[in-house]
């Protein structure tokens, strides 16, 4: 069986967030761009780390690509 690609493990919103994080945006900048709170961005990042098995923003961005 073929493993699920990392990009398919994430929701559309999580993909938006990880793309912005990969572009070097801070949680505050991501929140402003997407009109959500910094706390919501932080929650999404935690879930992104869990789904990708990442331990950092950089690692999540690499896994996602």
N, C-alpha and C. Protein backbone atom coordinates (compact mmCIF):
# COMPACT_ATOMS: atom_id res chain seq x y z
N UNK A 1 0.83 -1.17 0.00
CA UNK A 1 0.00 0.00 0.00
C UNK A 1 0.89 1.25 0.00
N UNK A 2 0.52 2.25 -0.80
CA UNK A 2 1.29 3.48 -0.90
C UNK A 2 0.96 4.39 0.28
N UNK A 3 1.98 4.93 0.97
CA UNK A 3 1.71 5.83 2.09
C UNK A 3 1.07 7.13 1.60
N UNK A 4 0.27 7.73 2.47
CA UNK A 4 -0.37 8.99 2.16
C UNK A 4 0.67 10.10 2.11
N UNK A 5 0.70 10.90 1.02
CA UNK A 5 1.65 12.01 0.96
C UNK A 5 1.38 13.02 2.08
N UNK A 6 2.43 13.65 2.62
CA UNK A 6 2.23 14.60 3.71
C UNK A 6 1.18 15.67 3.42
N UNK A 7 1.14 16.17 2.21
CA UNK A 7 0.19 17.25 1.91
C UNK A 7 -1.25 16.77 2.04
N UNK A 8 -1.52 15.49 1.85
CA UNK A 8 -2.87 14.95 1.96
C UNK A 8 -3.26 14.66 3.40
N UNK A 9 -2.31 14.70 4.31
CA UNK A 9 -2.61 14.46 5.72
C UNK A 9 -3.17 15.72 6.39
N UNK A 10 -3.09 16.84 5.69
CA UNK A 10 -3.50 18.12 6.26
C UNK A 10 -4.79 18.62 5.64
N UNK A 11 -5.56 19.37 6.45
CA UNK A 11 -6.77 20.00 5.93
C UNK A 11 -6.36 21.16 5.02
N UNK A 12 -7.29 21.66 4.21
CA UNK A 12 -6.95 22.82 3.37
C UNK A 12 -6.42 24.01 4.18
N UNK A 13 -7.02 24.27 5.34
CA UNK A 13 -6.57 25.39 6.18
C UNK A 13 -5.17 25.13 6.71
N UNK A 14 -4.90 23.91 7.13
CA UNK A 14 -3.57 23.56 7.62
C UNK A 14 -2.54 23.70 6.51
N UNK A 15 -2.90 23.35 5.28
CA UNK A 15 -1.98 23.53 4.16
C UNK A 15 -1.68 25.01 3.94
N UNK A 16 -2.70 25.87 4.08
CA UNK A 16 -2.47 27.32 3.96
C UNK A 16 -1.46 27.78 5.01
N UNK A 17 -1.68 27.32 6.23
CA UNK A 17 -0.84 27.76 7.34
C UNK A 17 0.59 27.26 7.18
N UNK A 18 0.78 26.01 6.81
CA UNK A 18 2.15 25.50 6.68
C UNK A 18 2.86 26.18 5.51
N UNK A 19 2.15 26.53 4.44
CA UNK A 19 2.77 27.26 3.34
C UNK A 19 3.26 28.63 3.80
N UNK A 20 2.44 29.32 4.60
CA UNK A 20 2.84 30.63 5.12
C UNK A 20 4.01 30.49 6.09
N UNK A 21 3.98 29.47 6.93
CA UNK A 21 5.09 29.23 7.86
C UNK A 21 6.37 28.92 7.08
N UNK A 22 6.24 28.15 6.01
CA UNK A 22 7.41 27.81 5.19
C UNK A 22 7.98 29.06 4.52
N UNK A 23 7.12 30.06 4.29
CA UNK A 23 7.57 31.31 3.69
C UNK A 23 8.20 32.24 4.72
N UNK A 24 8.29 31.76 5.97
CA UNK A 24 8.95 32.54 7.01
C UNK A 24 8.05 33.44 7.82
N UNK A 25 6.74 33.29 7.65
CA UNK A 25 5.79 34.14 8.40
C UNK A 25 5.71 33.69 9.85
N UNK A 26 5.54 34.64 10.74
CA UNK A 26 5.34 34.33 12.16
C UNK A 26 3.87 33.99 12.38
N UNK A 27 3.56 33.43 13.56
CA UNK A 27 2.16 33.14 13.88
C UNK A 27 1.32 34.41 13.80
N UNK A 28 1.86 35.51 14.26
CA UNK A 28 1.13 36.78 14.22
C UNK A 28 0.85 37.20 12.78
N UNK A 29 1.83 37.05 11.91
CA UNK A 29 1.64 37.41 10.50
C UNK A 29 0.65 36.47 9.81
N UNK A 30 0.74 35.19 10.13
CA UNK A 30 -0.19 34.22 9.56
C UNK A 30 -1.61 34.55 10.01
N UNK A 31 -1.77 34.85 11.29
CA UNK A 31 -3.09 35.19 11.83
C UNK A 31 -3.67 36.41 11.12
N UNK A 32 -2.87 37.43 10.92
CA UNK A 32 -3.34 38.64 10.24
C UNK A 32 -3.71 38.34 8.79
N UNK A 33 -2.91 37.55 8.12
CA UNK A 33 -3.16 37.20 6.72
C UNK A 33 -4.47 36.44 6.56
N UNK A 34 -4.73 35.52 7.49
CA UNK A 34 -5.91 34.65 7.38
C UNK A 34 -7.10 35.14 8.21
N UNK A 35 -6.95 36.27 8.89
CA UNK A 35 -8.01 36.84 9.73
C UNK A 35 -8.48 35.85 10.80
N UNK A 36 -7.49 35.26 11.48
CA UNK A 36 -7.76 34.37 12.61
C UNK A 36 -6.86 34.80 13.77
N UNK A 37 -7.08 34.23 14.94
CA UNK A 37 -6.26 34.62 16.09
C UNK A 37 -4.92 33.88 16.10
N UNK A 38 -3.96 34.44 16.82
CA UNK A 38 -2.66 33.79 16.97
C UNK A 38 -2.82 32.43 17.65
N UNK A 39 -3.75 32.35 18.59
CA UNK A 39 -4.01 31.08 19.27
C UNK A 39 -4.50 30.00 18.32
N UNK A 40 -5.33 30.40 17.37
CA UNK A 40 -5.83 29.44 16.37
C UNK A 40 -4.68 28.96 15.49
N UNK A 41 -3.79 29.87 15.13
CA UNK A 41 -2.62 29.48 14.33
C UNK A 41 -1.78 28.49 15.13
N UNK A 42 -1.57 28.78 16.40
CA UNK A 42 -0.77 27.90 17.25
C UNK A 42 -1.41 26.51 17.33
N UNK A 43 -2.74 26.46 17.48
CA UNK A 43 -3.44 25.17 17.54
C UNK A 43 -3.27 24.40 16.23
N UNK A 44 -3.41 25.10 15.11
CA UNK A 44 -3.21 24.46 13.81
C UNK A 44 -1.78 23.93 13.68
N UNK A 45 -0.80 24.73 14.10
CA UNK A 45 0.59 24.29 14.00
C UNK A 45 0.83 23.03 14.82
N UNK A 46 0.24 22.96 16.01
CA UNK A 46 0.38 21.76 16.85
C UNK A 46 -0.18 20.55 16.13
N UNK A 47 -1.34 20.70 15.52
CA UNK A 47 -1.95 19.58 14.78
C UNK A 47 -1.13 19.22 13.55
N UNK A 48 -0.58 20.23 12.88
CA UNK A 48 0.28 19.99 11.72
C UNK A 48 1.49 19.17 12.13
N UNK A 49 2.14 19.56 13.24
CA UNK A 49 3.30 18.81 13.73
C UNK A 49 2.91 17.35 13.99
N UNK A 50 1.77 17.15 14.65
CA UNK A 50 1.31 15.80 14.96
C UNK A 50 1.07 14.98 13.70
N UNK A 51 0.37 15.56 12.74
CA UNK A 51 0.02 14.82 11.53
C UNK A 51 1.23 14.50 10.65
N UNK A 52 2.21 15.38 10.67
CA UNK A 52 3.40 15.17 9.84
C UNK A 52 4.53 14.48 10.59
N UNK A 53 4.41 14.39 11.91
CA UNK A 53 5.50 13.82 12.70
C UNK A 53 6.68 14.77 12.81
N UNK A 54 6.39 16.06 12.71
CA UNK A 54 7.44 17.08 12.75
C UNK A 54 7.62 17.60 14.18
N UNK A 55 8.80 18.14 14.45
CA UNK A 55 9.08 18.72 15.76
C UNK A 55 9.39 20.21 15.68
N UNK A 56 9.41 20.76 14.45
CA UNK A 56 9.68 22.18 14.28
C UNK A 56 8.97 22.69 13.03
N UNK A 57 8.88 24.02 12.92
CA UNK A 57 8.26 24.64 11.74
C UNK A 57 9.06 24.28 10.48
N UNK A 58 10.37 24.31 10.62
CA UNK A 58 11.22 24.00 9.47
C UNK A 58 10.99 22.56 9.01
N UNK A 59 10.95 21.65 9.94
CA UNK A 59 10.74 20.25 9.60
C UNK A 59 9.35 20.06 8.97
N UNK A 60 8.33 20.72 9.49
CA UNK A 60 6.99 20.62 8.92
C UNK A 60 6.98 21.14 7.48
N UNK A 61 7.67 22.23 7.24
CA UNK A 61 7.73 22.79 5.89
C UNK A 61 8.43 21.83 4.93
N UNK A 62 9.49 21.18 5.39
CA UNK A 62 10.22 20.23 4.55
C UNK A 62 9.36 18.99 4.28
N UNK A 63 8.70 18.47 5.31
CA UNK A 63 7.84 17.30 5.14
C UNK A 63 6.69 17.62 4.18
N UNK A 64 6.19 18.83 4.25
CA UNK A 64 5.03 19.22 3.45
C UNK A 64 5.37 19.32 1.97
N UNK A 65 6.58 19.75 1.65
CA UNK A 65 6.93 19.97 0.25
C UNK A 65 7.03 18.72 -0.53
